[in-house]
Amino acid sequence: MIGAIILGLVAGFIGKALVPGKDPGGFLMTIVIGLVGALVGWAIFTQLLGIGDNDIFDLGGLLGAIVGVIIVLLALRAFSGRSAAHR
């Protein structure tokens, strides 16, 4: 559990730094985005590409988690931009 929070924080922070721009939330949202990104990265690398192991929240999966965070951030931006345009 603590490892998952640390992974979420680190991956969320690095992912937000790599994709500059306005992102939602603060510290807790960074962890949430990092955890969701870790799940996305794990699914892409382990399930689709067959790379890695079955441990979702381990620091060995940090690269996959960062890739997942970037995907999640871009999706959040696309979704929030689209919903703002429909108002």
N, C-alpha and C. Protein backbone atom coordinates (compact mmCIF):
# COMPACT_ATOMS: atom_id res chain seq x y z
N MET A 1 0.83 -1.20 0.00
CA MET A 1 0.00 0.00 0.00
C MET A 1 0.87 1.25 0.00
N ILE A 2 1.85 1.30 0.88
CA ILE A 2 2.73 2.47 0.93
C ILE A 2 3.55 2.56 -0.35
N GLY A 3 3.96 1.38 -0.87
CA GLY A 3 4.70 1.37 -2.13
C GLY A 3 3.87 1.91 -3.28
N ALA A 4 2.58 1.60 -3.28
CA ALA A 4 1.69 2.09 -4.32
C ALA A 4 1.55 3.61 -4.24
N ILE A 5 1.45 4.13 -3.03
CA ILE A 5 1.33 5.59 -2.86
C ILE A 5 2.61 6.28 -3.31
N ILE A 6 3.75 5.71 -2.94
CA ILE A 6 5.03 6.30 -3.35
C ILE A 6 5.17 6.25 -4.87
N LEU A 7 4.84 5.10 -5.46
CA LEU A 7 4.90 4.98 -6.92
C LEU A 7 3.96 5.99 -7.58
N GLY A 8 2.75 6.13 -7.05
CA GLY A 8 1.80 7.09 -7.60
C GLY A 8 2.30 8.51 -7.51
N LEU A 9 2.90 8.85 -6.38
CA LEU A 9 3.44 10.20 -6.20
C LEU A 9 4.59 10.47 -7.16
N VAL A 10 5.54 9.54 -7.22
CA VAL A 10 6.71 9.74 -8.08
C VAL A 10 6.31 9.76 -9.55
N ALA A 11 5.52 8.79 -9.98
CA ALA A 11 5.09 8.73 -11.38
C ALA A 11 4.22 9.93 -11.73
N GLY A 12 3.32 10.33 -10.84
CA GLY A 12 2.47 11.50 -11.09
C GLY A 12 3.28 12.77 -11.20
N PHE A 13 4.26 12.94 -10.32
CA PHE A 13 5.10 14.13 -10.34
C PHE A 13 5.94 14.19 -11.61
N ILE A 14 6.58 13.07 -11.97
CA ILE A 14 7.42 13.04 -13.17
C ILE A 14 6.56 13.22 -14.42
N GLY A 15 5.42 12.54 -14.47
CA GLY A 15 4.53 12.66 -15.62
C GLY A 15 4.03 14.08 -15.81
N LYS A 16 3.66 14.74 -14.70
CA LYS A 16 3.22 16.14 -14.79
C LYS A 16 4.35 17.05 -15.24
N ALA A 17 5.58 16.74 -14.84
CA ALA A 17 6.73 17.55 -15.25
C ALA A 17 7.04 17.36 -16.73
N LEU A 18 6.83 16.16 -17.25
CA LEU A 18 7.11 15.88 -18.65
C LEU A 18 6.05 16.41 -19.61
N VAL A 19 4.86 16.60 -19.10
CA VAL A 19 3.75 17.11 -19.92
C VAL A 19 3.34 18.46 -19.33
N PRO A 20 4.06 19.52 -19.71
CA PRO A 20 3.75 20.81 -19.09
C PRO A 20 2.37 21.32 -19.48
N GLY A 21 1.83 22.12 -18.62
CA GLY A 21 0.51 22.69 -18.84
C GLY A 21 -0.30 22.63 -17.57
N LYS A 22 -1.54 23.08 -17.67
CA LYS A 22 -2.41 23.11 -16.51
C LYS A 22 -3.01 21.72 -16.28
N ASP A 23 -2.75 21.20 -15.10
CA ASP A 23 -3.26 19.88 -14.74
C ASP A 23 -4.14 20.00 -13.50
N PRO A 24 -5.07 19.07 -13.34
CA PRO A 24 -5.99 19.15 -12.21
C PRO A 24 -5.33 18.81 -10.89
N GLY A 25 -5.79 19.46 -9.85
CA GLY A 25 -5.47 19.09 -8.49
C GLY A 25 -4.08 19.38 -7.99
N GLY A 26 -3.89 19.02 -6.74
CA GLY A 26 -2.62 19.22 -6.08
C GLY A 26 -1.97 17.90 -5.74
N PHE A 27 -1.49 17.81 -4.52
CA PHE A 27 -0.72 16.66 -4.05
C PHE A 27 -1.51 15.36 -4.14
N LEU A 28 -2.73 15.34 -3.61
CA LEU A 28 -3.53 14.11 -3.62
C LEU A 28 -3.94 13.70 -5.04
N MET A 29 -4.26 14.68 -5.86
CA MET A 29 -4.64 14.37 -7.24
C MET A 29 -3.43 13.85 -8.02
N THR A 30 -2.24 14.33 -7.68
CA THR A 30 -1.02 13.81 -8.32
C THR A 30 -0.86 12.34 -8.01
N ILE A 31 -1.12 11.95 -6.76
CA ILE A 31 -1.03 10.55 -6.37
C ILE A 31 -2.09 9.72 -7.11
N VAL A 32 -3.31 10.23 -7.17
CA VAL A 32 -4.39 9.51 -7.86
C VAL A 32 -4.06 9.34 -9.33
N ILE A 33 -3.61 10.40 -9.98
CA ILE A 33 -3.23 10.32 -11.40
C ILE A 33 -2.07 9.34 -11.56
N GLY A 34 -1.13 9.36 -10.63
CA GLY A 34 -0.01 8.42 -10.68
C GLY A 34 -0.46 6.98 -10.53
N LEU A 35 -1.41 6.72 -9.64
CA LEU A 35 -1.92 5.36 -9.45
C LEU A 35 -2.69 4.88 -10.68
N VAL A 36 -3.51 5.75 -11.23
CA VAL A 36 -4.25 5.39 -12.45
C VAL A 36 -3.27 5.18 -13.59
N GLY A 37 -2.27 6.05 -13.67
CA GLY A 37 -1.24 5.89 -14.69
C GLY A 37 -0.47 4.60 -14.54
N ALA A 38 -0.19 4.20 -13.29
CA ALA A 38 0.50 2.93 -13.05
C ALA A 38 -0.33 1.76 -13.55
N LEU A 39 -1.64 1.82 -13.33
CA LEU A 39 -2.53 0.77 -13.83
C LEU A 39 -2.54 0.73 -15.36
N VAL A 40 -2.62 1.91 -15.97
CA VAL A 40 -2.63 1.99 -17.43
C VAL A 40 -1.30 1.48 -18.00
N GLY A 41 -0.19 1.95 -17.42
CA GLY A 41 1.13 1.51 -17.88
C GLY A 41 1.32 0.01 -17.71
N TRP A 42 0.89 -0.52 -16.56
CA TRP A 42 0.99 -1.96 -16.32
C TRP A 42 0.19 -2.73 -17.37
N ALA A 43 -1.02 -2.27 -17.65
CA ALA A 43 -1.87 -2.96 -18.63
C ALA A 43 -1.23 -2.94 -20.02
N ILE A 44 -0.67 -1.81 -20.39
CA ILE A 44 -0.05 -1.69 -21.72
C ILE A 44 1.17 -2.60 -21.82
N PHE A 45 2.09 -2.45 -20.87
CA PHE A 45 3.35 -3.17 -20.97
C PHE A 45 3.21 -4.66 -20.66
N THR A 46 2.47 -5.01 -19.62
CA THR A 46 2.39 -6.41 -19.21
C THR A 46 1.36 -7.18 -20.02
N GLN A 47 0.17 -6.63 -20.13
CA GLN A 47 -0.91 -7.37 -20.78
C GLN A 47 -0.83 -7.31 -22.31
N LEU A 48 -0.56 -6.14 -22.86
CA LEU A 48 -0.55 -6.00 -24.33
C LEU A 48 0.79 -6.38 -24.95
N LEU A 49 1.89 -5.94 -24.33
CA LEU A 49 3.21 -6.16 -24.91
C LEU A 49 3.95 -7.35 -24.32
N GLY A 50 3.48 -7.88 -23.20
CA GLY A 50 4.11 -9.03 -22.59
C GLY A 50 5.45 -8.72 -21.93
N ILE A 51 5.66 -7.47 -21.54
CA ILE A 51 6.90 -7.04 -20.89
C ILE A 51 6.63 -6.85 -19.41
N GLY A 52 7.52 -7.32 -18.54
CA GLY A 52 7.37 -7.07 -17.12
C GLY A 52 6.77 -8.23 -16.38
N ASP A 53 6.40 -7.96 -15.13
CA ASP A 53 5.85 -9.00 -14.27
C ASP A 53 4.41 -8.64 -13.88
N ASN A 54 3.86 -9.39 -12.96
CA ASN A 54 2.47 -9.17 -12.58
C ASN A 54 2.29 -8.27 -11.38
N ASP A 55 3.36 -7.67 -10.88
CA ASP A 55 3.27 -6.72 -9.78
C ASP A 55 2.88 -5.35 -10.33
N ILE A 56 1.67 -4.92 -10.01
CA ILE A 56 1.18 -3.66 -10.58
C ILE A 56 1.90 -2.46 -9.97
N PHE A 57 1.97 -2.40 -8.65
CA PHE A 57 2.53 -1.24 -7.99
C PHE A 57 3.90 -1.54 -7.41
N ASP A 58 4.90 -1.70 -8.25
CA ASP A 58 6.26 -1.83 -7.76
C ASP A 58 7.14 -0.80 -8.47
N LEU A 59 8.22 -0.43 -7.83
CA LEU A 59 9.07 0.63 -8.40
C LEU A 59 9.77 0.18 -9.67
N GLY A 60 9.84 -1.13 -9.92
CA GLY A 60 10.38 -1.62 -11.18
C GLY A 60 9.52 -1.21 -12.36
N GLY A 61 8.26 -0.94 -12.12
CA GLY A 61 7.34 -0.52 -13.17
C GLY A 61 7.21 0.98 -13.29
N LEU A 62 8.20 1.72 -12.78
CA LEU A 62 8.12 3.17 -12.79
C LEU A 62 8.04 3.74 -14.20
N LEU A 63 8.81 3.20 -15.13
CA LEU A 63 8.78 3.71 -16.51
C LEU A 63 7.39 3.51 -17.12
N GLY A 64 6.83 2.32 -16.94
CA GLY A 64 5.47 2.07 -17.44
C GLY A 64 4.45 2.96 -16.77
N ALA A 65 4.63 3.22 -15.47
CA ALA A 65 3.71 4.10 -14.74
C ALA A 65 3.79 5.53 -15.28
N ILE A 66 5.00 5.99 -15.59
CA ILE A 66 5.16 7.34 -16.14
C ILE A 66 4.49 7.44 -17.51
N VAL A 67 4.68 6.42 -18.33
CA VAL A 67 4.01 6.40 -19.64
C VAL A 67 2.50 6.42 -19.45
N GLY A 68 2.03 5.65 -18.49
CA GLY A 68 0.60 5.64 -18.19
C GLY A 68 0.09 6.98 -17.71
N VAL A 69 0.88 7.67 -16.87
CA VAL A 69 0.50 9.00 -16.39
C VAL A 69 0.39 9.97 -17.55
N ILE A 70 1.34 9.92 -18.46
CA ILE A 70 1.29 10.81 -19.62
C ILE A 70 0.01 10.56 -20.42
N ILE A 71 -0.34 9.31 -20.63
CA ILE A 71 -1.57 8.96 -21.36
C ILE A 71 -2.79 9.48 -20.61
N VAL A 72 -2.82 9.27 -19.29
CA VAL A 72 -3.95 9.74 -18.48
C VAL A 72 -4.06 11.26 -18.53
N LEU A 73 -2.94 11.96 -18.41
CA LEU A 73 -2.97 13.43 -18.44
C LEU A 73 -3.48 13.94 -19.79
N LEU A 74 -3.00 13.35 -20.87
CA LEU A 74 -3.45 13.78 -22.19
C LEU A 74 -4.94 13.49 -22.38
N ALA A 75 -5.41 12.36 -21.85
CA ALA A 75 -6.83 12.03 -21.94
C ALA A 75 -7.66 13.00 -21.10
N LEU A 76 -7.17 13.33 -19.90
CA LEU A 76 -7.89 14.30 -19.05
C LEU A 76 -7.98 15.66 -19.73
N ARG A 77 -6.90 16.08 -20.34
CA ARG A 77 -6.90 17.37 -21.04
C ARG A 77 -7.86 17.36 -22.22
N ALA A 78 -7.85 16.27 -22.98
CA ALA A 78 -8.74 16.17 -24.14
C ALA A 78 -10.20 16.17 -23.68
N PHE A 79 -10.48 15.43 -22.60
CA PHE A 79 -11.84 15.35 -22.10
C PHE A 79 -12.29 16.70 -21.53
N SER A 80 -11.43 17.35 -20.74
CA SER A 80 -11.82 18.63 -20.14
C SER A 80 -11.92 19.72 -21.19
N GLY A 81 -11.09 19.66 -22.22
CA GLY A 81 -11.19 20.63 -23.30
C GLY A 81 -12.45 20.46 -24.10
N ARG A 82 -12.84 19.22 -24.32
CA ARG A 82 -14.06 18.93 -25.07
C ARG A 82 -15.29 19.33 -24.28
N SER A 83 -15.28 19.06 -22.97
CA SER A 83 -16.46 19.41 -22.17
C SER A 83 -16.57 20.91 -21.99
N ALA A 84 -15.45 21.61 -21.97
CA ALA A 84 -15.48 23.08 -21.85
C ALA A 84 -16.00 23.71 -23.15
N ALA A 85 -15.70 23.06 -24.29
CA ALA A 85 -16.15 23.58 -25.57
C ALA A 85 -17.66 23.41 -25.74
N HIS A 86 -18.27 22.47 -25.06
CA HIS A 86 -19.70 22.21 -25.20
C HIS A 86 -20.54 23.06 -24.25
N ARG A 87 -19.93 23.89 -23.47
CA ARG A 87 -20.70 24.72 -22.52
C ARG A 87 -21.18 25.98 -23.17
